[in-house]
Every structure is written in structure tokens, then in C-alpha cells.
């Protein structure tokens, strides 16, 4: 009997979840109510940290093609830089003690 399958992309940018199965990400930390910083892996987290910590951010690509252009405004805001960096540091501390 034929079975019709449909791909469904799960997207939860506020809390961070894996897009195929909808599982919670291990590298996630709440920053404020309903908003979390998350990363798929340590390399992703390192790139996010460099971007958030930067005092001057220059666009190298036109349009909306880069990962950083798609970050929510609250992550890119200088007002929230301290909170986001604290959350990233907490994720990094958790990675240091996590079993491999």
C-alpha cells in the first residue's frame, strides 16, 4: 500500500530546536523570557560569539544571504550584548564539563 510522506521543517528560533526532529538543542541558554541563544555545535557557537562581541560589524555580502543577517535584532543589539555574551559563556562552561 503506497504511503504518502510529507517533509515538515520544524522551526523554533526563540527556543532553539533541531529542524528535522524538533529535538531541543544541547547548546542553548535562555537570555530573557521567550528568547534563547543556541548553537548547533561548538564551531557555530564560536562564530556567534565573535559576531556578538564585535564592536563594529561590516556587511560583506549584499542582501540576506549570510547567517548573521538572519539573526534576530535582539541578538544583534548592543543593548543586549552583555546578556547574550553571558549566555554564550554559560554554554561554553557547560561544554567544558560535558562528557565526550
PDB file of N, CA and C in Angstrom:
ATOM      1  N   UNK A   1       0.846  -1.169   0.000  1.00  0.00           N
ATOM      2  CA  UNK A   1       0.000   0.000   0.000  1.00  0.00           C
ATOM      3  C   UNK A   1       0.898   1.240   0.000  1.00  0.00           C
ATOM      4  N   UNK A   2       0.734   2.116  -0.958  1.00  0.00           N
ATOM      5  CA  UNK A   2       1.555   3.333  -1.020  1.00  0.00           C
ATOM      6  C   UNK A   2       1.285   4.235   0.188  1.00  0.00           C
ATOM      7  N   UNK A   3       2.335   4.849   0.638  1.00  0.00           N
ATOM      8  CA  UNK A   3       2.242   5.749   1.780  1.00  0.00           C
ATOM      9  C   UNK A   3       2.764   7.112   1.362  1.00  0.00           C
ATOM     10  N   UNK A   4       1.964   8.134   1.582  1.00  0.00           N
ATOM     11  CA  UNK A   4       2.364   9.482   1.207  1.00  0.00           C
ATOM     12  C   UNK A   4       3.067  10.137   2.399  1.00  0.00           C
ATOM     13  N   UNK A   5       4.307  10.581   2.171  1.00  0.00           N
ATOM     14  CA  UNK A   5       5.086  11.243   3.207  1.00  0.00           C
ATOM     15  C   UNK A   5       5.224  12.714   2.865  1.00  0.00           C
ATOM     16  N   UNK A   6       5.277  13.505   3.884  1.00  0.00           N
ATOM     17  CA  UNK A   6       5.443  14.934   3.674  1.00  0.00           C
ATOM     18  C   UNK A   6       6.538  15.430   4.616  1.00  0.00           C
ATOM     19  N   UNK A   7       7.529  16.125   4.038  1.00  0.00           N
ATOM     20  CA  UNK A   7       8.601  16.696   4.857  1.00  0.00           C
ATOM     21  C   UNK A   7       8.071  17.941   5.549  1.00  0.00           C
ATOM     22  N   UNK A   8       8.398  18.070   6.790  1.00  0.00           N
ATOM     23  CA  UNK A   8       7.961  19.217   7.574  1.00  0.00           C
ATOM     24  C   UNK A   8       9.162  19.791   8.294  1.00  0.00           C
ATOM     25  N   UNK A   9       9.455  21.036   8.019  1.00  0.00           N
ATOM     26  CA  UNK A   9      10.586  21.690   8.690  1.00  0.00           C
ATOM     27  C   UNK A   9      10.066  22.357   9.955  1.00  0.00           C
ATOM     28  N   UNK A  10      10.570  21.909  11.089  1.00  0.00           N
ATOM     29  CA  UNK A  10      10.177  22.459  12.378  1.00  0.00           C
ATOM     30  C   UNK A  10      11.087  23.640  12.661  1.00  0.00           C
ATOM     31  N   UNK A  11      10.502  24.757  13.017  1.00  0.00           N
ATOM     32  CA  UNK A  11      11.311  25.949  13.264  1.00  0.00           C
ATOM     33  C   UNK A  11      10.870  26.611  14.557  1.00  0.00           C
ATOM     34  N   UNK A  12      11.791  26.657  15.494  1.00  0.00           N
ATOM     35  CA  UNK A  12      11.551  27.336  16.760  1.00  0.00           C
ATOM     36  C   UNK A  12      12.784  28.165  17.069  1.00  0.00           C
ATOM     37  N   UNK A  13      12.873  29.341  16.456  1.00  0.00           N
ATOM     38  CA  UNK A  13      14.053  30.177  16.620  1.00  0.00           C
ATOM     39  C   UNK A  13      14.171  30.746  18.026  1.00  0.00           C
ATOM     40  N   UNK A  14      13.063  30.913  18.703  1.00  0.00           N
ATOM     41  CA  UNK A  14      13.105  31.515  20.033  1.00  0.00           C
ATOM     42  C   UNK A  14      13.766  30.583  21.043  1.00  0.00           C
ATOM     43  N   UNK A  15      13.450  29.307  21.004  1.00  0.00           N
ATOM     44  CA  UNK A  15      13.970  28.372  21.994  1.00  0.00           C
ATOM     45  C   UNK A  15      15.069  27.476  21.449  1.00  0.00           C
ATOM     46  N   UNK A  16      15.177  27.364  20.144  1.00  0.00           N
ATOM     47  CA  UNK A  16      16.204  26.553  19.525  1.00  0.00           C
ATOM     48  C   UNK A  16      15.869  25.078  19.540  1.00  0.00           C
ATOM     49  N   UNK A  17      15.594  24.552  18.369  1.00  0.00           N
ATOM     50  CA  UNK A  17      15.364  23.121  18.263  1.00  0.00           C
ATOM     51  C   UNK A  17      15.927  22.628  16.947  1.00  0.00           C
ATOM     52  N   UNK A  18      16.226  21.358  16.907  1.00  0.00           N
ATOM     53  CA  UNK A  18      16.746  20.707  15.725  1.00  0.00           C
ATOM     54  C   UNK A  18      15.638  20.711  14.673  1.00  0.00           C
ATOM     55  N   UNK A  19      15.915  21.159  13.421  1.00  0.00           N
ATOM     56  CA  UNK A  19      14.846  21.392  12.452  1.00  0.00           C
ATOM     57  C   UNK A  19      14.177  20.152  11.865  1.00  0.00           C
ATOM     58  N   UNK A  20      14.760  18.980  11.968  1.00  0.00           N
ATOM     59  CA  UNK A  20      14.152  17.797  11.363  1.00  0.00           C
ATOM     60  C   UNK A  20      13.257  17.066  12.351  1.00  0.00           C
ATOM     61  N   UNK A  21      13.761  16.793  13.532  1.00  0.00           N
ATOM     62  CA  UNK A  21      13.006  16.029  14.519  1.00  0.00           C
ATOM     63  C   UNK A  21      12.381  16.883  15.611  1.00  0.00           C
ATOM     64  N   UNK A  22      12.759  18.165  15.685  1.00  0.00           N
ATOM     65  CA  UNK A  22      12.194  19.060  16.685  1.00  0.00           C
ATOM     66  C   UNK A  22      12.749  18.855  18.083  1.00  0.00           C
ATOM     67  N   UNK A  23      13.915  18.208  18.183  1.00  0.00           N
ATOM     68  CA  UNK A  23      14.525  17.958  19.487  1.00  0.00           C
ATOM     69  C   UNK A  23      15.205  19.223  20.007  1.00  0.00           C
ATOM     70  N   UNK A  24      15.208  19.391  21.313  1.00  0.00           N
ATOM     71  CA  UNK A  24      15.876  20.535  21.923  1.00  0.00           C
ATOM     72  C   UNK A  24      17.374  20.436  21.685  1.00  0.00           C
ATOM     73  N   UNK A  25      18.002  21.586  21.493  1.00  0.00           N
ATOM     74  CA  UNK A  25      19.442  21.615  21.287  1.00  0.00           C
ATOM     75  C   UNK A  25      20.159  21.622  22.635  1.00  0.00           C
ATOM     76  N   UNK A  26      21.280  20.926  22.698  1.00  0.00           N
ATOM     77  CA  UNK A  26      22.053  20.865  23.938  1.00  0.00           C
ATOM     78  C   UNK A  26      22.762  22.182  24.209  1.00  0.00           C
ATOM     79  N   UNK A  27      23.147  22.895  23.162  1.00  0.00           N
ATOM     80  CA  UNK A  27      23.872  24.156  23.319  1.00  0.00           C
ATOM     81  C   UNK A  27      22.889  25.319  23.249  1.00  0.00           C
ATOM     82  N   UNK A  28      22.099  25.474  24.294  1.00  0.00           N
ATOM     83  CA  UNK A  28      21.100  26.533  24.355  1.00  0.00           C
ATOM     84  C   UNK A  28      21.027  27.086  25.765  1.00  0.00           C
ATOM     85  N   UNK A  29      20.772  28.376  25.847  1.00  0.00           N
ATOM     86  CA  UNK A  29      20.679  29.033  27.156  1.00  0.00           C
ATOM     87  C   UNK A  29      19.694  30.199  27.042  1.00  0.00           C
ATOM     88  N   UNK A  30      18.730  30.271  27.965  1.00  0.00           N
ATOM     89  CA  UNK A  30      17.794  31.400  27.938  1.00  0.00           C
ATOM     90  C   UNK A  30      18.510  32.708  28.266  1.00  0.00           C
ATOM     91  N   UNK A  31      18.101  33.759  27.585  1.00  0.00           N
ATOM     92  CA  UNK A  31      18.670  35.079  27.809  1.00  0.00           C
ATOM     93  C   UNK A  31      17.660  35.969  28.521  1.00  0.00           C
ATOM     94  N   UNK A  32      16.429  35.908  28.057  1.00  0.00           N
ATOM     95  CA  UNK A  32      15.318  36.635  28.660  1.00  0.00           C
ATOM     96  C   UNK A  32      14.061  35.831  28.356  1.00  0.00           C
ATOM     97  N   UNK A  33      12.940  36.147  28.985  1.00  0.00           N
ATOM     98  CA  UNK A  33      11.737  35.342  28.757  1.00  0.00           C
ATOM     99  C   UNK A  33      11.394  35.184  27.262  1.00  0.00           C
ATOM    100  N   UNK A  34      11.311  33.938  26.833  1.00  0.00           N
ATOM    101  CA  UNK A  34      10.948  33.632  25.453  1.00  0.00           C
ATOM    102  C   UNK A  34      12.066  33.788  24.442  1.00  0.00           C
ATOM    103  N   UNK A  35      13.272  34.100  24.889  1.00  0.00           N
ATOM    104  CA  UNK A  35      14.398  34.300  23.978  1.00  0.00           C
ATOM    105  C   UNK A  35      15.612  33.533  24.493  1.00  0.00           C
ATOM    106  N   UNK A  36      16.194  32.738  23.612  1.00  0.00           N
ATOM    107  CA  UNK A  36      17.360  31.937  23.972  1.00  0.00           C
ATOM    108  C   UNK A  36      18.452  32.082  22.929  1.00  0.00           C
ATOM    109  N   UNK A  37      19.676  31.920  23.382  1.00  0.00           N
ATOM    110  CA  UNK A  37      20.826  31.820  22.483  1.00  0.00           C
ATOM    111  C   UNK A  37      21.071  30.334  22.302  1.00  0.00           C
ATOM    112  N   UNK A  38      21.291  29.910  21.069  1.00  0.00           N
ATOM    113  CA  UNK A  38      21.537  28.498  20.826  1.00  0.00           C
ATOM    114  C   UNK A  38      22.495  28.322  19.662  1.00  0.00           C
ATOM    115  N   UNK A  39      23.116  27.150  19.611  1.00  0.00           N
ATOM    116  CA  UNK A  39      24.040  26.810  18.534  1.00  0.00           C
ATOM    117  C   UNK A  39      23.937  25.325  18.247  1.00  0.00           C
ATOM    118  N   UNK A  40      24.256  24.953  17.017  1.00  0.00           N
ATOM    119  CA  UNK A  40      24.205  23.540  16.632  1.00  0.00           C
ATOM    120  C   UNK A  40      25.438  22.774  17.108  1.00  0.00           C
ATOM    121  N   UNK A  41      26.593  23.453  17.165  1.00  0.00           N
ATOM    122  CA  UNK A  41      27.835  22.794  17.552  1.00  0.00           C
ATOM    123  C   UNK A  41      28.820  23.838  18.074  1.00  0.00           C
ATOM    124  N   UNK A  42      29.970  23.406  18.616  1.00  0.00           N
ATOM    125  CA  UNK A  42      30.934  24.365  19.160  1.00  0.00           C
ATOM    126  C   UNK A  42      31.445  25.390  18.138  1.00  0.00           C
ATOM    127  N   UNK A  43      31.632  24.983  16.884  1.00  0.00           N
ATOM    128  CA  UNK A  43      32.099  25.918  15.858  1.00  0.00           C
ATOM    129  C   UNK A  43      31.051  27.009  15.610  1.00  0.00           C
ATOM    130  N   UNK A  44      29.797  26.618  15.569  1.00  0.00           N
ATOM    131  CA  UNK A  44      28.693  27.564  15.391  1.00  0.00           C
ATOM    132  C   UNK A  44      28.663  28.550  16.559  1.00  0.00           C
ATOM    133  N   UNK A  45      28.838  28.050  17.772  1.00  0.00           N
ATOM    134  CA  UNK A  45      28.845  28.896  18.957  1.00  0.00           C
ATOM    135  C   UNK A  45      30.023  29.876  18.923  1.00  0.00           C
ATOM    136  N   UNK A  46      31.187  29.416  18.488  1.00  0.00           N
ATOM    137  CA  UNK A  46      32.369  30.284  18.410  1.00  0.00           C
ATOM    138  C   UNK A  46      32.144  31.429  17.421  1.00  0.00           C
ATOM    139  N   UNK A  47      31.547  31.135  16.279  1.00  0.00           N
ATOM    140  CA  UNK A  47      31.255  32.184  15.291  1.00  0.00           C
ATOM    141  C   UNK A  47      30.243  33.186  15.830  1.00  0.00           C
ATOM    142  N   UNK A  48      29.245  32.693  16.525  1.00  0.00           N
ATOM    143  CA  UNK A  48      28.240  33.576  17.124  1.00  0.00           C
ATOM    144  C   UNK A  48      28.896  34.485  18.162  1.00  0.00           C
ATOM    145  N   UNK A  49      29.782  33.922  18.956  1.00  0.00           N
ATOM    146  CA  UNK A  49      30.470  34.697  19.994  1.00  0.00           C
ATOM    147  C   UNK A  49      31.292  35.823  19.373  1.00  0.00           C
ATOM    148  N   UNK A  50      32.041  35.527  18.328  1.00  0.00           N
ATOM    149  CA  UNK A  50      32.847  36.546  17.649  1.00  0.00           C
ATOM    150  C   UNK A  50      31.950  37.654  17.110  1.00  0.00           C
ATOM    151  N   UNK A  51      30.842  37.277  16.506  1.00  0.00           N
ATOM    152  CA  UNK A  51      29.932  38.266  15.930  1.00  0.00           C
ATOM    153  C   UNK A  51      29.314  39.162  17.002  1.00  0.00           C
ATOM    154  N   UNK A  52      28.810  38.562  18.067  1.00  0.00           N
ATOM    155  CA  UNK A  52      28.151  39.337  19.120  1.00  0.00           C
ATOM    156  C   UNK A  52      29.148  40.252  19.818  1.00  0.00           C
ATOM    157  N   UNK A  53      30.378  39.787  20.039  1.00  0.00           N
ATOM    158  CA  UNK A  53      31.385  40.578  20.744  1.00  0.00           C
ATOM    159  C   UNK A  53      31.944  41.724  19.913  1.00  0.00           C
ATOM    160  N   UNK A  54      31.800  41.657  18.600  1.00  0.00           N
ATOM    161  CA  UNK A  54      32.376  42.682  17.721  1.00  0.00           C
ATOM    162  C   UNK A  54      31.738  44.048  17.974  1.00  0.00           C
ATOM    163  N   UNK A  55      32.582  45.053  18.104  1.00  0.00           N
ATOM    164  CA  UNK A  55      32.101  46.424  18.286  1.00  0.00           C
ATOM    165  C   UNK A  55      31.653  47.029  16.955  1.00  0.00           C
ATOM    166  N   UNK A  56      32.307  46.613  15.866  1.00  0.00           N
ATOM    167  CA  UNK A  56      31.978  47.113  14.528  1.00  0.00           C
ATOM    168  C   UNK A  56      31.685  45.926  13.636  1.00  0.00           C
ATOM    169  N   UNK A  57      30.526  45.911  13.044  1.00  0.00           N
ATOM    170  CA  UNK A  57      30.133  44.809  12.157  1.00  0.00           C
ATOM    171  C   UNK A  57      29.930  45.363  10.755  1.00  0.00           C
ATOM    172  N   UNK A  58      30.752  44.907   9.826  1.00  0.00           N
ATOM    173  CA  UNK A  58      30.647  45.354   8.447  1.00  0.00           C
ATOM    174  C   UNK A  58      30.024  44.255   7.605  1.00  0.00           C
ATOM    175  N   UNK A  59      29.114  44.651   6.732  1.00  0.00           N
ATOM    176  CA  UNK A  59      28.483  43.676   5.839  1.00  0.00           C
ATOM    177  C   UNK A  59      29.410  43.392   4.676  1.00  0.00           C
ATOM    178  N   UNK A  60      29.637  42.118   4.424  1.00  0.00           N
ATOM    179  CA  UNK A  60      30.483  41.724   3.301  1.00  0.00           C
ATOM    180  C   UNK A  60      29.659  41.216   2.127  1.00  0.00           C
ATOM    181  N   UNK A  61      28.413  40.867   2.379  1.00  0.00           N
ATOM    182  CA  UNK A  61      27.542  40.361   1.325  1.00  0.00           C
ATOM    183  C   UNK A  61      26.310  41.247   1.244  1.00  0.00           C
ATOM    184  N   UNK A  62      25.832  41.390   0.042  1.00  0.00           N
ATOM    185  CA  UNK A  62      24.598  42.161  -0.141  1.00  0.00           C
ATOM    186  C   UNK A  62      23.400  41.267   0.126  1.00  0.00           C
ATOM    187  N   UNK A  63      22.341  41.851   0.607  1.00  0.00           N
ATOM    188  CA  UNK A  63      21.105  41.103   0.810  1.00  0.00           C
ATOM    189  C   UNK A  63      21.065  40.345   2.115  1.00  0.00           C
ATOM    190  N   UNK A  64      20.344  39.232   2.084  1.00  0.00           N
ATOM    191  CA  UNK A  64      20.077  38.460   3.285  1.00  0.00           C
ATOM    192  C   UNK A  64      20.690  37.062   3.166  1.00  0.00           C
ATOM    193  N   UNK A  65      21.891  36.992   2.594  1.00  0.00           N
ATOM    194  CA  UNK A  65      22.484  35.693   2.298  1.00  0.00           C
ATOM    195  C   UNK A  65      23.278  35.097   3.456  1.00  0.00           C
ATOM    196  N   UNK A  66      23.726  35.907   4.405  1.00  0.00           N
ATOM    197  CA  UNK A  66      24.574  35.373   5.459  1.00  0.00           C
ATOM    198  C   UNK A  66      23.760  34.954   6.678  1.00  0.00           C
ATOM    199  N   UNK A  67      24.363  34.076   7.459  1.00  0.00           N
ATOM    200  CA  UNK A  67      23.748  33.622   8.712  1.00  0.00           C
ATOM    201  C   UNK A  67      23.506  34.807   9.638  1.00  0.00           C
ATOM    202  N   UNK A  68      24.485  35.695   9.729  1.00  0.00           N
ATOM    203  CA  UNK A  68      24.404  36.806  10.664  1.00  0.00           C
ATOM    204  C   UNK A  68      23.331  37.810  10.295  1.00  0.00           C
ATOM    205  N   UNK A  69      23.028  37.952   9.024  1.00  0.00           N
ATOM    206  CA  UNK A  69      21.965  38.881   8.623  1.00  0.00           C
ATOM    207  C   UNK A  69      20.589  38.366   9.052  1.00  0.00           C
ATOM    208  N   UNK A  70      20.507  37.089   9.335  1.00  0.00           N
ATOM    209  CA  UNK A  70      19.226  36.485   9.729  1.00  0.00           C
ATOM    210  C   UNK A  70      19.036  36.366  11.241  1.00  0.00           C
ATOM    211  N   UNK A  71      20.029  36.783  12.008  1.00  0.00           N
ATOM    212  CA  UNK A  71      19.883  36.760  13.472  1.00  0.00           C
ATOM    213  C   UNK A  71      18.805  37.748  13.895  1.00  0.00           C
ATOM    214  N   UNK A  72      18.075  37.442  14.953  1.00  0.00           N
ATOM    215  CA  UNK A  72      17.069  38.381  15.431  1.00  0.00           C
ATOM    216  C   UNK A  72      17.722  39.680  15.904  1.00  0.00           C
ATOM    217  N   UNK A  73      16.983  40.771  15.805  1.00  0.00           N
ATOM    218  CA  UNK A  73      17.504  42.093  16.170  1.00  0.00           C
ATOM    219  C   UNK A  73      17.962  42.147  17.623  1.00  0.00           C
ATOM    220  N   UNK A  74      17.279  41.439  18.514  1.00  0.00           N
ATOM    221  CA  UNK A  74      17.663  41.497  19.924  1.00  0.00           C
ATOM    222  C   UNK A  74      19.039  40.885  20.165  1.00  0.00           C
ATOM    223  N   UNK A  75      19.455  39.919  19.343  1.00  0.00           N
ATOM    224  CA  UNK A  75      20.791  39.327  19.473  1.00  0.00           C
ATOM    225  C   UNK A  75      21.837  40.320  18.971  1.00  0.00           C
ATOM    226  N   UNK A  76      21.532  41.037  17.906  1.00  0.00           N
ATOM    227  CA  UNK A  76      22.475  41.981  17.308  1.00  0.00           C
ATOM    228  C   UNK A  76      22.546  43.305  18.056  1.00  0.00           C
ATOM    229  N   UNK A  77      21.595  43.579  18.913  1.00  0.00           N
ATOM    230  CA  UNK A  77      21.535  44.849  19.618  1.00  0.00           C
ATOM    231  C   UNK A  77      22.672  45.002  20.627  1.00  0.00           C
ATOM    232  N   UNK A  78      23.329  46.158  20.603  1.00  0.00           N
ATOM    233  CA  UNK A  78      24.390  46.445  21.575  1.00  0.00           C
ATOM    234  C   UNK A  78      23.828  46.463  22.989  1.00  0.00           C
ATOM    235  N   UNK A  79      22.578  46.799  23.126  1.00  0.00           N
ATOM    236  CA  UNK A  79      21.926  46.847  24.443  1.00  0.00           C
ATOM    237  C   UNK A  79      21.920  45.474  25.108  1.00  0.00           C
ATOM    238  N   UNK A  80      21.801  44.427  24.318  1.00  0.00           N
ATOM    239  CA  UNK A  80      21.729  43.067  24.865  1.00  0.00           C
ATOM    240  C   UNK A  80      23.052  42.320  24.801  1.00  0.00           C
ATOM    241  N   UNK A  81      24.113  42.984  24.348  1.00  0.00           N
ATOM    242  CA  UNK A  81      25.397  42.309  24.152  1.00  0.00           C
ATOM    243  C   UNK A  81      25.866  41.602  25.430  1.00  0.00           C
ATOM    244  N   UNK A  82      25.791  42.257  26.552  1.00  0.00           N
ATOM    245  CA  UNK A  82      26.241  41.660  27.812  1.00  0.00           C
ATOM    246  C   UNK A  82      25.457  40.415  28.175  1.00  0.00           C
ATOM    247  N   UNK A  83      24.135  40.474  28.023  1.00  0.00           N
ATOM    248  CA  UNK A  83      23.285  39.322  28.353  1.00  0.00           C
ATOM    249  C   UNK A  83      23.581  38.142  27.427  1.00  0.00           C
ATOM    250  N   UNK A  84      23.743  38.442  26.133  1.00  0.00           N
ATOM    251  CA  UNK A  84      23.998  37.375  25.163  1.00  0.00           C
ATOM    252  C   UNK A  84      25.373  36.759  25.413  1.00  0.00           C
ATOM    253  N   UNK A  85      26.366  37.594  25.713  1.00  0.00           N
ATOM    254  CA  UNK A  85      27.705  37.073  25.977  1.00  0.00           C
ATOM    255  C   UNK A  85      27.732  36.225  27.250  1.00  0.00           C
ATOM    256  N   UNK A  86      26.960  36.603  28.270  1.00  0.00           N
ATOM    257  CA  UNK A  86      26.870  35.787  29.484  1.00  0.00           C
ATOM    258  C   UNK A  86      26.264  34.425  29.171  1.00  0.00           C
ATOM    259  N   UNK A  87      25.233  34.405  28.338  1.00  0.00           N
ATOM    260  CA  UNK A  87      24.602  33.139  27.965  1.00  0.00           C
ATOM    261  C   UNK A  87      25.573  32.263  27.177  1.00  0.00           C
ATOM    262  N   UNK A  88      26.323  32.877  26.258  1.00  0.00           N
ATOM    263  CA  UNK A  88      27.313  32.119  25.486  1.00  0.00           C
ATOM    264  C   UNK A  88      28.384  31.545  26.422  1.00  0.00           C
ATOM    265  N   UNK A  89      28.834  32.345  27.374  1.00  0.00           N
ATOM    266  CA  UNK A  89      29.839  31.873  28.338  1.00  0.00           C
ATOM    267  C   UNK A  89      29.302  30.700  29.160  1.00  0.00           C
ATOM    268  N   UNK A  90      28.045  30.767  29.534  1.00  0.00           N
ATOM    269  CA  UNK A  90      27.446  29.674  30.305  1.00  0.00           C
ATOM    270  C   UNK A  90      27.369  28.390  29.471  1.00  0.00           C
ATOM    271  N   UNK A  91      27.044  28.528  28.193  1.00  0.00           N
ATOM    272  CA  UNK A  91      27.025  27.356  27.298  1.00  0.00           C
ATOM    273  C   UNK A  91      28.437  26.778  27.192  1.00  0.00           C
ATOM    274  N   UNK A  92      29.445  27.657  27.040  1.00  0.00           N
ATOM    275  CA  UNK A  92      30.822  27.200  26.931  1.00  0.00           C
ATOM    276  C   UNK A  92      31.277  26.467  28.202  1.00  0.00           C
ATOM    277  N   UNK A  93      30.895  26.985  29.362  1.00  0.00           N
ATOM    278  CA  UNK A  93      31.241  26.300  30.612  1.00  0.00           C
ATOM    279  C   UNK A  93      30.594  24.920  30.661  1.00  0.00           C
ATOM    280  N   UNK A  94      29.367  24.825  30.184  1.00  0.00           N
ATOM    281  CA  UNK A  94      28.677  23.536  30.147  1.00  0.00           C
ATOM    282  C   UNK A  94      29.334  22.553  29.192  1.00  0.00           C
ATOM    283  N   UNK A  95      29.897  23.074  28.091  1.00  0.00           N
ATOM    284  CA  UNK A  95      30.587  22.202  27.137  1.00  0.00           C
ATOM    285  C   UNK A  95      31.884  21.677  27.747  1.00  0.00           C
ATOM    286  N   UNK A  96      32.525  22.479  28.589  1.00  0.00           N
ATOM    287  CA  UNK A  96      33.807  22.079  29.161  1.00  0.00           C
ATOM    288  C   UNK A  96      33.662  20.909  30.130  1.00  0.00           C
ATOM    289  N   UNK A  97      32.511  20.796  30.802  1.00  0.00           N
ATOM    290  CA  UNK A  97      32.324  19.712  31.760  1.00  0.00           C
ATOM    291  C   UNK A  97      31.504  18.557  31.207  1.00  0.00           C
ATOM    292  N   UNK A  98      30.964  18.715  30.011  1.00  0.00           N
ATOM    293  CA  UNK A  98      30.130  17.660  29.421  1.00  0.00           C
ATOM    294  C   UNK A  98      30.997  16.484  29.001  1.00  0.00           C
ATOM    295  N   UNK A  99      30.529  15.248  29.227  1.00  0.00           N
ATOM    296  CA  UNK A  99      31.278  14.077  28.789  1.00  0.00           C
ATOM    297  C   UNK A  99      31.322  14.014  27.276  1.00  0.00           C
ATOM    298  N   UNK A 100      32.413  13.530  26.747  1.00  0.00           N
ATOM    299  CA  UNK A 100      32.564  13.468  25.287  1.00  0.00           C
ATOM    300  C   UNK A 100      32.331  12.090  24.761  1.00  0.00           C
TER     301      UNK A 100
END
